Amino acid sequence: MNSNDNLELGWCQGYMGIQYHMEDAYKELNKPLDNVSCNPPYAIFSKKYYNDILSIDNTKKYDYCFIGSINSGYNNRLWVIEFVKKYFTEKSIFINTDNDINWVSLGSFDFTNKGLGFNPKIQNDNNSRNVQYRIVNDNLFYFKTMRQSNFVLCPAGDAPWSFRFYEILMCESIPIVLSWHHTYRTKEESTIPFKYYLSNEYHIHFYDEDIIKNNTLLFKQYHLL
């Protein structure tokens, strides 16, 4: 299940969404904000944010889903299109959130340009809280769809990691990634034994509650205070 690729950490970078979530977590426990940053060893989320996601119905209705930008880190996301064309079914959900008026539907599972997906990065300030912090109640379709999916595609984006990986773990779905390198942001996070499937392992993709239990325990251990 896990790739044996060699560790590559030269790309680690700050991301303001990490800082905004960390600030919330520290404020929740009345902790000083001195150690809050956009590039901590482990991403930290508030228990309220985590519990808001867990409160959404997670009755599994979909096999696969992907709701996100294709143009954000385009070369890192080409595999998503090929995977979707090959493996998505009538029980899948796909939405390209780029607002591309020339988008050609990939199938009956493609709900692009139907007002269901939102790409905050089309706004002017990409580092603002409005862009980098996805409010749960304002994005219920996004989180509910992931909560109700067995698997969620998790490609790299502008960096060789994706914030979506944390969201998938919180949604109690199983991440599908191209490479192990897309499952961590820092050297410290690379050692967390989260379970996932690689995109080329379609033949062994199956929803396993033990994977969810493993990932949930690890998420609580490393990503909550």
Protein backbone atom coordinates (compact mmCIF):
# COMPACT_ATOMS: atom_id res chain seq x y z
CA MET A 1 0.00 0.00 0.00
CA ASN A 2 2.84 2.40 0.82
CA SER A 3 5.38 3.46 -1.78
CA ASN A 4 9.06 2.73 -1.22
CA ASP A 5 10.14 5.95 -2.86
CA ASN A 6 13.06 7.76 -1.29
CA LEU A 7 12.31 10.71 0.97
CA GLU A 8 12.44 14.08 -0.76
CA LEU A 9 12.05 17.09 1.50
CA GLY A 10 13.63 20.00 -0.31
CA TRP A 11 10.25 21.38 -1.36
CA CYS A 12 8.84 21.99 2.16
CA GLN A 13 7.20 25.38 2.27
CA GLY A 14 4.88 27.55 4.31
CA TYR A 15 1.16 27.67 3.68
CA MET A 16 -1.02 30.25 5.37
CA GLY A 17 -3.96 27.85 5.73
CA ILE A 18 -1.79 25.82 8.11
CA GLN A 19 -1.21 28.91 10.23
CA TYR A 20 -4.88 29.91 10.34
CA HIS A 21 -5.89 26.45 11.55
CA MET A 22 -3.08 26.34 14.07
CA GLU A 23 -4.13 29.74 15.44
CA ASP A 24 -7.67 28.45 15.96
CA ALA A 25 -6.39 25.35 17.76
CA TYR A 26 -4.21 27.39 20.11
CA LYS A 27 -6.93 29.94 20.81
CA GLU A 28 -9.36 27.12 21.57
CA LEU A 29 -7.11 26.02 24.44
CA ASN A 30 -6.04 29.55 25.43
CA LYS A 31 -2.45 28.76 24.48
CA PRO A 32 -0.04 31.59 23.53
CA LEU A 33 0.46 32.02 19.79
CA ASP A 34 4.26 32.34 19.99
CA ASN A 35 4.90 29.00 18.26
CA VAL A 36 2.22 29.34 15.61
CA SER A 37 3.59 29.43 12.06
CA CYS A 38 2.73 28.60 8.47
CA ASN A 39 5.21 25.71 8.44
CA PRO A 40 5.11 23.80 11.75
CA PRO A 41 6.40 20.21 12.00
CA TYR A 42 2.80 18.95 12.18
CA ALA A 43 -0.33 20.65 10.89
CA ILE A 44 -2.64 21.34 13.84
CA PHE A 45 -6.42 21.71 13.70
CA SER A 46 -8.92 22.83 16.30
CA LYS A 47 -11.15 20.18 17.82
CA LYS A 48 -14.17 22.27 16.86
CA TYR A 49 -13.20 22.24 13.19
CA TYR A 50 -12.59 18.50 13.30
CA ASN A 51 -15.86 17.84 15.11
CA ASP A 52 -17.80 20.06 12.69
CA ILE A 53 -16.66 17.78 9.88
CA LEU A 54 -17.43 14.62 11.87
CA SER A 55 -20.98 15.89 12.51
CA ILE A 56 -21.76 15.61 8.77
CA ASP A 57 -23.55 12.44 7.68
CA ASN A 58 -21.00 9.91 6.45
CA THR A 59 -23.33 7.30 4.99
CA LYS A 60 -21.27 6.01 2.07
CA LYS A 61 -22.99 6.74 -1.27
CA TYR A 62 -20.08 7.20 -3.67
CA ASP A 63 -17.10 5.10 -4.66
CA TYR A 64 -14.71 7.85 -5.82
CA CYS A 65 -14.81 11.63 -5.74
CA PHE A 66 -12.72 14.61 -6.69
CA ILE A 67 -13.82 18.22 -6.20
CA GLY A 68 -11.09 20.70 -6.99
CA SER A 69 -9.05 22.68 -9.45
CA ILE A 70 -7.35 20.95 -12.35
CA ASN A 71 -5.28 23.98 -13.32
CA SER A 72 -3.79 24.37 -9.84
CA GLY A 73 -0.52 22.55 -10.31
CA TYR A 74 -1.73 21.29 -13.69
CA ASN A 75 1.16 18.88 -14.34
CA ASN A 76 0.65 17.33 -10.91
CA ARG A 77 -3.03 16.72 -11.64
CA LEU A 78 -2.99 15.25 -15.13
CA TRP A 79 -3.23 11.76 -13.67
CA VAL A 80 -6.58 12.69 -12.12
CA ILE A 81 -8.20 13.16 -15.54
CA GLU A 82 -6.94 9.81 -16.79
CA PHE A 83 -8.01 8.04 -13.59
CA VAL A 84 -11.46 9.63 -13.72
CA LYS A 85 -12.00 8.65 -17.35
CA LYS A 86 -10.99 5.07 -16.63
CA TYR A 87 -12.49 4.29 -13.24
CA PHE A 88 -15.25 6.75 -12.26
CA THR A 89 -18.79 5.38 -12.42
CA GLU A 90 -22.37 6.55 -11.93
CA LYS A 91 -21.63 6.26 -8.22
CA SER A 92 -18.76 8.75 -8.46
CA ILE A 93 -18.60 12.54 -8.17
CA PHE A 94 -16.21 14.73 -10.17
CA ILE A 95 -16.14 18.53 -10.27
CA ASN A 96 -13.49 20.74 -11.85
CA THR A 97 -13.77 24.01 -9.91
CA ASP A 98 -11.80 26.15 -12.39
CA ASN A 99 -14.95 27.74 -13.89
CA ASP A 100 -13.76 26.71 -17.35
CA ILE A 101 -16.63 27.51 -19.73
CA ASN A 102 -15.01 25.31 -22.37
CA TRP A 103 -14.86 22.26 -20.11
CA VAL A 104 -16.01 19.07 -21.84
CA SER A 105 -17.87 16.71 -19.50
CA LEU A 106 -16.05 13.49 -18.63
CA GLY A 107 -19.23 11.52 -18.02
CA SER A 108 -22.47 11.25 -16.06
CA PHE A 109 -20.47 11.67 -12.84
CA ASP A 110 -19.12 15.08 -13.94
CA PHE A 111 -20.94 17.99 -12.26
CA THR A 112 -18.54 20.71 -13.40
CA ASN A 113 -20.07 24.18 -13.93
CA LYS A 114 -23.29 23.26 -12.10
CA GLY A 115 -22.66 25.57 -9.16
CA LEU A 116 -21.69 22.80 -6.76
CA GLY A 117 -17.93 23.36 -6.48
CA PHE A 118 -16.04 26.45 -5.35
CA ASN A 119 -12.46 27.38 -6.11
CA PRO A 120 -11.34 30.04 -3.58
CA LYS A 121 -8.04 30.57 -5.41
CA ILE A 122 -9.75 32.56 -8.15
CA GLN A 123 -9.98 35.41 -5.64
CA ASN A 124 -7.38 38.16 -5.57
CA ASP A 125 -5.46 37.48 -2.34
CA ASN A 126 -4.33 33.85 -2.33
CA ASN A 127 -2.85 34.17 1.17
CA SER A 128 -5.98 35.55 2.84
CA ARG A 129 -8.02 33.56 5.32
CA ASN A 130 -10.97 33.60 2.89
CA VAL A 131 -8.86 31.69 0.36
CA GLN A 132 -6.77 29.45 2.58
CA TYR A 133 -9.37 28.48 5.21
CA ARG A 134 -12.35 26.41 4.07
CA ILE A 135 -15.22 27.07 6.51
CA VAL A 136 -17.15 23.84 7.04
CA ASN A 137 -20.67 25.28 7.08
CA ASP A 138 -19.97 27.30 3.95
CA ASN A 139 -18.67 24.22 2.12
CA LEU A 140 -21.12 21.52 3.19
CA PHE A 141 -21.41 19.98 -0.28
CA TYR A 142 -17.62 19.65 -0.48
CA PHE A 143 -17.22 18.01 2.92
CA LYS A 144 -20.41 15.94 2.75
CA THR A 145 -19.41 14.48 -0.61
CA MET A 146 -16.02 13.49 0.75
CA ARG A 147 -17.59 12.12 3.95
CA GLN A 148 -19.90 9.98 1.83
CA SER A 149 -17.18 8.69 -0.51
CA ASN A 150 -15.13 5.56 -0.03
CA PHE A 151 -12.11 7.07 -1.79
CA VAL A 152 -11.05 10.64 -2.58
CA LEU A 153 -8.42 11.48 -5.18
CA CYS A 154 -5.64 13.53 -3.62
CA PRO A 155 -3.22 14.93 -6.21
CA ALA A 156 -0.39 17.32 -5.44
CA GLY A 157 -1.15 20.92 -6.31
CA ASP A 158 1.02 24.02 -6.41
CA ALA A 159 3.41 22.10 -4.12
CA PRO A 160 4.20 18.36 -4.04
CA TRP A 161 1.73 17.93 -1.16
CA SER A 162 -1.93 18.75 -0.80
CA PHE A 163 -3.95 20.26 2.04
CA ARG A 164 -6.70 17.96 0.79
CA PHE A 165 -4.89 15.02 2.42
CA TYR A 166 -5.72 16.40 5.88
CA GLU A 167 -9.33 17.01 4.83
CA ILE A 168 -9.74 13.46 3.55
CA LEU A 169 -8.44 12.07 6.83
CA MET A 170 -10.90 14.24 8.77
CA CYS A 171 -13.71 13.10 6.46
CA GLU A 172 -12.90 9.45 7.21
CA SER A 173 -12.38 8.51 3.58
CA ILE A 174 -9.39 6.77 2.03
CA PRO A 175 -6.93 8.95 0.06
CA ILE A 176 -5.84 7.95 -3.44
CA VAL A 177 -2.46 9.46 -4.31
CA LEU A 178 0.02 9.22 -7.13
CA SER A 179 3.03 8.88 -4.84
CA TRP A 180 3.93 8.54 -1.17
CA HIS A 181 5.56 11.98 -1.47
CA HIS A 182 2.11 13.52 -1.80
CA THR A 183 1.05 12.33 1.67
CA TYR A 184 3.24 14.56 3.83
CA ARG A 185 4.38 18.16 4.10
CA THR A 186 7.38 17.93 6.44
CA LYS A 187 10.02 15.44 7.52
CA GLU A 188 8.08 14.87 10.73
CA GLU A 189 4.80 14.17 8.93
CA SER A 190 6.55 11.76 6.56
CA THR A 191 7.01 9.35 9.46
CA ILE A 192 3.29 9.10 10.34
CA PRO A 193 2.11 5.68 9.11
CA PHE A 194 -1.12 6.82 7.47
CA LYS A 195 -2.66 4.28 5.12
CA TYR A 196 -3.78 5.11 1.59
CA TYR A 197 -3.81 3.65 -1.90
CA LEU A 198 -1.72 4.58 -4.90
CA SER A 199 -3.55 5.47 -8.09
CA ASN A 200 -1.96 2.57 -9.98
CA GLU A 201 -3.24 0.09 -7.39
CA TYR A 202 -6.83 0.18 -8.63
CA HIS A 203 -7.00 -3.60 -8.60
CA ILE A 204 -6.66 -3.63 -4.78
CA HIS A 205 -8.76 -0.59 -3.91
CA PHE A 206 -11.32 -1.66 -1.35
CA TYR A 207 -12.95 0.23 1.48
CA ASP A 208 -11.54 -1.07 4.74
CA GLU A 209 -12.80 0.19 8.11
CA ASP A 210 -9.45 -0.76 9.63
CA ILE A 211 -7.77 1.82 7.41
CA ILE A 212 -10.19 4.47 8.64
CA LYS A 213 -9.62 3.50 12.28
CA ASN A 214 -5.85 3.58 11.81
CA ASN A 215 -5.89 6.98 10.11
CA THR A 216 -8.33 8.46 12.63
CA LEU A 217 -6.20 7.45 15.60
CA LEU A 218 -3.08 8.85 13.97
CA PHE A 219 -4.80 12.08 12.98
CA LYS A 220 -5.96 12.67 16.55
CA GLN A 221 -2.49 11.87 17.85
CA TYR A 222 -0.52 14.15 15.54
CA HIS A 223 -2.91 16.82 14.26
CA LEU A 224 -5.02 17.71 17.31
CA LEU A 225 -3.79 19.28 20.56
